[in-house]
């Protein structure tokens, strides 16, 4: 696990939660570089739970954001964990190609 990661993974996100709501919640903890919510807000698929990835400008925000674990947001207790960033050169390796 990369201890200097800038990314968190948030699971057990309510299906009715929007990316804007997640951006507002985690924006209080640090400057957000990127936020991705899966499935996306405009997804036609029915979902029972969502997953969100938040990339902060500062790695310190990752540690602070973990304190939101078990916080009920909308109607679910969030689970927040650090997420290891993958080196782009490794991700593009021919060994990982299908």
N, C-alpha and C. Protein backbone atom coordinates (compact mmCIF):
# COMPACT_ATOMS: atom_id res chain seq x y z
N UNK A 1 0.85 -1.18 0.00
CA UNK A 1 0.00 0.00 0.00
C UNK A 1 0.89 1.23 0.00
N UNK A 2 0.60 2.16 -0.86
CA UNK A 2 1.34 3.40 -0.96
C UNK A 2 0.88 4.33 0.16
N UNK A 3 1.76 4.60 1.13
CA UNK A 3 1.38 5.42 2.27
C UNK A 3 1.22 6.89 1.90
N UNK A 4 1.70 7.28 0.74
CA UNK A 4 1.56 8.66 0.30
C UNK A 4 0.47 8.80 -0.76
N UNK A 5 -0.48 7.89 -0.75
CA UNK A 5 -1.54 7.96 -1.74
C UNK A 5 -2.38 9.22 -1.55
N UNK A 6 -2.95 9.69 -2.61
CA UNK A 6 -3.83 10.84 -2.60
C UNK A 6 -5.27 10.42 -2.83
N UNK A 7 -5.51 9.10 -2.93
CA UNK A 7 -6.82 8.58 -3.35
C UNK A 7 -7.47 7.77 -2.23
N UNK A 8 -8.79 7.97 -2.09
CA UNK A 8 -9.57 7.13 -1.19
C UNK A 8 -10.64 6.42 -1.98
N UNK A 9 -11.06 5.26 -1.46
CA UNK A 9 -12.18 4.52 -2.01
C UNK A 9 -13.28 4.57 -0.97
N UNK A 10 -14.47 4.98 -1.39
CA UNK A 10 -15.62 5.05 -0.50
C UNK A 10 -16.64 4.04 -0.99
N UNK A 11 -16.96 3.08 -0.13
CA UNK A 11 -17.94 2.05 -0.50
C UNK A 11 -19.18 2.18 0.38
N UNK A 12 -20.19 1.39 0.03
CA UNK A 12 -21.49 1.40 0.70
C UNK A 12 -22.17 2.76 0.54
N UNK A 13 -22.00 3.37 -0.63
CA UNK A 13 -22.61 4.66 -0.94
C UNK A 13 -24.04 4.41 -1.41
N UNK A 14 -24.97 5.15 -0.87
CA UNK A 14 -26.38 5.00 -1.23
C UNK A 14 -26.59 5.22 -2.73
N UNK A 15 -27.48 4.44 -3.34
CA UNK A 15 -27.75 4.62 -4.78
C UNK A 15 -28.33 6.00 -5.11
N UNK A 16 -28.94 6.66 -4.15
CA UNK A 16 -29.52 7.98 -4.42
C UNK A 16 -28.52 9.12 -4.26
N UNK A 17 -27.31 8.82 -3.83
CA UNK A 17 -26.28 9.84 -3.64
C UNK A 17 -25.73 10.29 -4.99
N UNK A 18 -25.54 11.60 -5.14
CA UNK A 18 -24.99 12.14 -6.38
C UNK A 18 -23.50 12.46 -6.21
N UNK A 19 -22.82 12.61 -7.33
CA UNK A 19 -21.40 12.97 -7.28
C UNK A 19 -21.23 14.35 -6.66
N UNK A 20 -22.17 15.24 -6.88
CA UNK A 20 -22.09 16.58 -6.29
C UNK A 20 -22.19 16.52 -4.76
N UNK A 21 -23.02 15.64 -4.24
CA UNK A 21 -23.11 15.47 -2.79
C UNK A 21 -21.81 14.94 -2.22
N UNK A 22 -21.19 13.98 -2.93
CA UNK A 22 -19.91 13.42 -2.47
C UNK A 22 -18.82 14.49 -2.53
N UNK A 23 -18.84 15.31 -3.58
CA UNK A 23 -17.84 16.38 -3.72
C UNK A 23 -18.00 17.39 -2.58
N UNK A 24 -19.22 17.69 -2.21
CA UNK A 24 -19.47 18.62 -1.10
C UNK A 24 -18.96 18.02 0.22
N UNK A 25 -19.30 16.76 0.48
CA UNK A 25 -18.89 16.11 1.72
C UNK A 25 -17.37 16.07 1.88
N UNK A 26 -16.68 15.55 0.87
CA UNK A 26 -15.23 15.39 0.98
C UNK A 26 -14.47 16.68 0.70
N UNK A 27 -15.13 17.65 0.09
CA UNK A 27 -14.50 18.94 -0.16
C UNK A 27 -14.17 19.69 1.12
N UNK A 28 -14.87 19.36 2.22
CA UNK A 28 -14.57 19.98 3.51
C UNK A 28 -13.24 19.47 4.07
N UNK A 29 -12.75 18.34 3.56
CA UNK A 29 -11.55 17.70 4.11
C UNK A 29 -10.28 18.01 3.34
N UNK A 30 -10.42 18.61 2.17
CA UNK A 30 -9.26 18.95 1.36
C UNK A 30 -9.66 19.30 -0.05
N UNK A 31 -8.71 19.83 -0.80
CA UNK A 31 -8.97 20.17 -2.20
C UNK A 31 -9.04 18.90 -3.04
N UNK A 32 -10.13 18.74 -3.76
CA UNK A 32 -10.34 17.55 -4.58
C UNK A 32 -9.81 17.79 -5.98
N UNK A 33 -8.95 16.87 -6.43
CA UNK A 33 -8.42 16.93 -7.79
C UNK A 33 -9.38 16.23 -8.76
N UNK A 34 -9.92 15.10 -8.32
CA UNK A 34 -10.80 14.32 -9.18
C UNK A 34 -11.74 13.47 -8.32
N UNK A 35 -12.97 13.29 -8.79
CA UNK A 35 -13.94 12.45 -8.09
C UNK A 35 -14.69 11.63 -9.13
N UNK A 36 -14.78 10.33 -8.90
CA UNK A 36 -15.50 9.42 -9.80
C UNK A 36 -16.48 8.60 -8.97
N UNK A 37 -17.72 8.57 -9.40
CA UNK A 37 -18.76 7.79 -8.73
C UNK A 37 -19.24 6.72 -9.70
N UNK A 38 -19.27 5.47 -9.23
CA UNK A 38 -19.68 4.35 -10.08
C UNK A 38 -20.87 3.63 -9.47
N UNK A 39 -21.86 3.25 -10.25
CA UNK A 39 -22.09 3.72 -11.61
C UNK A 39 -22.35 5.23 -11.62
N UNK A 40 -22.12 5.88 -12.77
CA UNK A 40 -22.28 7.33 -12.87
C UNK A 40 -23.72 7.77 -12.58
N UNK A 41 -23.86 9.07 -12.31
CA UNK A 41 -25.19 9.64 -12.00
C UNK A 41 -26.23 9.35 -13.08
N UNK A 42 -25.80 9.34 -14.34
CA UNK A 42 -26.74 9.18 -15.45
C UNK A 42 -26.88 7.73 -15.91
N UNK A 43 -26.43 6.78 -15.10
CA UNK A 43 -26.50 5.37 -15.48
C UNK A 43 -27.95 4.88 -15.49
N UNK A 44 -28.36 4.18 -16.55
CA UNK A 44 -29.73 3.65 -16.61
C UNK A 44 -29.89 2.35 -15.81
N UNK A 45 -28.79 1.79 -15.34
CA UNK A 45 -28.84 0.52 -14.62
C UNK A 45 -29.33 0.69 -13.19
N UNK A 46 -30.17 -0.21 -12.72
CA UNK A 46 -30.56 -0.15 -11.31
C UNK A 46 -29.38 -0.59 -10.43
N UNK A 47 -29.15 0.11 -9.33
CA UNK A 47 -28.03 -0.21 -8.45
C UNK A 47 -28.52 -0.34 -7.01
N UNK A 48 -27.81 -1.15 -6.24
CA UNK A 48 -28.13 -1.29 -4.82
C UNK A 48 -27.11 -0.56 -3.96
N UNK A 49 -25.93 -0.28 -4.53
CA UNK A 49 -24.89 0.43 -3.82
C UNK A 49 -23.93 1.04 -4.84
N UNK A 50 -23.23 2.10 -4.43
CA UNK A 50 -22.29 2.75 -5.32
C UNK A 50 -20.91 2.81 -4.69
N UNK A 51 -19.91 3.06 -5.52
CA UNK A 51 -18.52 3.20 -5.07
C UNK A 51 -18.01 4.54 -5.58
N UNK A 52 -17.27 5.24 -4.74
CA UNK A 52 -16.72 6.54 -5.12
C UNK A 52 -15.22 6.56 -4.89
N UNK A 53 -14.49 7.15 -5.83
CA UNK A 53 -13.05 7.35 -5.69
C UNK A 53 -12.81 8.85 -5.67
N UNK A 54 -12.05 9.30 -4.69
CA UNK A 54 -11.74 10.72 -4.55
C UNK A 54 -10.23 10.88 -4.53
N UNK A 55 -9.73 11.75 -5.41
CA UNK A 55 -8.29 12.06 -5.43
C UNK A 55 -8.11 13.47 -4.91
N UNK A 56 -7.33 13.59 -3.82
CA UNK A 56 -7.06 14.87 -3.20
C UNK A 56 -5.74 15.43 -3.71
N UNK A 57 -5.58 16.74 -3.61
CA UNK A 57 -4.31 17.37 -3.93
C UNK A 57 -3.25 17.03 -2.88
N UNK A 58 -3.67 16.93 -1.61
CA UNK A 58 -2.75 16.66 -0.51
C UNK A 58 -2.98 15.25 0.04
N UNK A 59 -1.91 14.50 0.26
CA UNK A 59 -2.05 13.14 0.80
C UNK A 59 -2.57 13.15 2.24
N UNK A 60 -2.37 14.24 2.97
CA UNK A 60 -2.86 14.33 4.35
C UNK A 60 -4.38 14.22 4.41
N UNK A 61 -5.07 14.63 3.36
CA UNK A 61 -6.54 14.57 3.33
C UNK A 61 -7.04 13.13 3.37
N UNK A 62 -6.21 12.19 2.91
CA UNK A 62 -6.60 10.77 2.93
C UNK A 62 -6.77 10.29 4.36
N UNK A 63 -5.80 10.60 5.22
CA UNK A 63 -5.89 10.20 6.62
C UNK A 63 -7.08 10.83 7.32
N UNK A 64 -7.31 12.10 7.06
CA UNK A 64 -8.44 12.80 7.67
C UNK A 64 -9.76 12.20 7.21
N UNK A 65 -9.86 11.90 5.93
CA UNK A 65 -11.13 11.39 5.38
C UNK A 65 -11.51 10.02 5.93
N UNK A 66 -10.52 9.25 6.37
CA UNK A 66 -10.82 7.94 6.93
C UNK A 66 -11.65 8.04 8.21
N UNK A 67 -11.64 9.20 8.84
CA UNK A 67 -12.46 9.40 10.04
C UNK A 67 -13.95 9.44 9.72
N UNK A 68 -14.30 9.51 8.43
CA UNK A 68 -15.72 9.47 8.05
C UNK A 68 -16.25 8.05 7.93
N UNK A 69 -15.40 7.04 8.12
CA UNK A 69 -15.87 5.66 8.11
C UNK A 69 -16.94 5.49 9.18
N UNK A 70 -18.01 4.82 8.82
CA UNK A 70 -19.19 4.57 9.66
C UNK A 70 -20.07 5.79 9.86
N UNK A 71 -19.76 6.89 9.16
CA UNK A 71 -20.65 8.04 9.18
C UNK A 71 -21.82 7.74 8.25
N UNK A 72 -23.04 7.91 8.76
CA UNK A 72 -24.22 7.67 7.93
C UNK A 72 -24.42 8.88 7.03
N UNK A 73 -24.39 8.62 5.73
CA UNK A 73 -24.58 9.66 4.71
C UNK A 73 -25.73 9.22 3.82
N UNK A 74 -26.74 10.03 3.70
CA UNK A 74 -28.03 9.72 3.08
C UNK A 74 -28.67 8.61 3.91
N UNK A 75 -28.46 7.35 3.56
CA UNK A 75 -29.06 6.29 4.37
C UNK A 75 -28.12 5.10 4.57
N UNK A 76 -26.81 5.32 4.38
CA UNK A 76 -25.82 4.24 4.51
C UNK A 76 -24.61 4.69 5.31
N UNK A 77 -24.02 3.75 6.05
CA UNK A 77 -22.77 4.02 6.76
C UNK A 77 -21.61 3.87 5.77
N UNK A 78 -20.90 4.95 5.50
CA UNK A 78 -19.81 4.93 4.53
C UNK A 78 -18.61 4.15 5.06
N UNK A 79 -17.87 3.54 4.12
CA UNK A 79 -16.61 2.88 4.44
C UNK A 79 -15.55 3.57 3.59
N UNK A 80 -14.58 4.20 4.27
CA UNK A 80 -13.55 4.98 3.59
C UNK A 80 -12.19 4.35 3.84
N UNK A 81 -11.48 3.98 2.77
CA UNK A 81 -10.15 3.39 2.88
C UNK A 81 -9.20 4.04 1.87
N UNK A 82 -7.89 4.09 2.20
CA UNK A 82 -6.92 4.58 1.22
C UNK A 82 -6.89 3.64 0.02
N UNK A 83 -6.62 4.19 -1.14
CA UNK A 83 -6.57 3.39 -2.36
C UNK A 83 -5.22 3.63 -3.02
N UNK A 84 -4.48 2.56 -3.26
CA UNK A 84 -3.14 2.68 -3.85
C UNK A 84 -3.24 3.18 -5.29
N UNK A 85 -2.44 4.17 -5.60
CA UNK A 85 -2.38 4.69 -6.96
C UNK A 85 -1.46 3.80 -7.78
N UNK A 86 -1.85 3.52 -9.00
CA UNK A 86 -1.06 2.68 -9.88
C UNK A 86 -0.20 3.56 -10.76
N UNK A 87 1.08 3.24 -10.83
CA UNK A 87 2.00 3.96 -11.71
C UNK A 87 1.52 3.76 -13.15
N UNK A 88 1.35 4.86 -13.88
CA UNK A 88 0.82 4.76 -15.25
C UNK A 88 1.69 3.90 -16.15
N UNK A 89 3.01 3.95 -15.98
CA UNK A 89 3.88 3.14 -16.83
C UNK A 89 3.64 1.66 -16.55
N UNK A 90 3.35 1.31 -15.29
CA UNK A 90 3.04 -0.08 -14.95
C UNK A 90 1.68 -0.48 -15.51
N UNK A 91 0.70 0.42 -15.41
CA UNK A 91 -0.65 0.12 -15.89
C UNK A 91 -0.69 -0.10 -17.40
N UNK A 92 0.22 0.54 -18.12
CA UNK A 92 0.27 0.42 -19.57
C UNK A 92 1.21 -0.69 -20.04
N UNK A 93 1.69 -1.48 -19.11
CA UNK A 93 2.63 -2.55 -19.42
C UNK A 93 1.98 -3.59 -20.34
N UNK A 94 2.73 -4.12 -21.33
CA UNK A 94 2.17 -5.14 -22.21
C UNK A 94 1.84 -6.43 -21.47
N UNK A 95 2.43 -6.61 -20.28
CA UNK A 95 2.15 -7.82 -19.50
C UNK A 95 0.73 -7.80 -18.93
N UNK A 96 0.14 -6.61 -18.81
CA UNK A 96 -1.21 -6.49 -18.26
C UNK A 96 -2.27 -6.49 -19.35
N UNK A 97 -1.84 -6.43 -20.59
CA UNK A 97 -2.79 -6.40 -21.70
C UNK A 97 -3.47 -7.77 -21.81
N UNK A 98 -4.79 -7.72 -22.06
CA UNK A 98 -5.59 -8.95 -22.12
C UNK A 98 -5.14 -9.80 -23.21
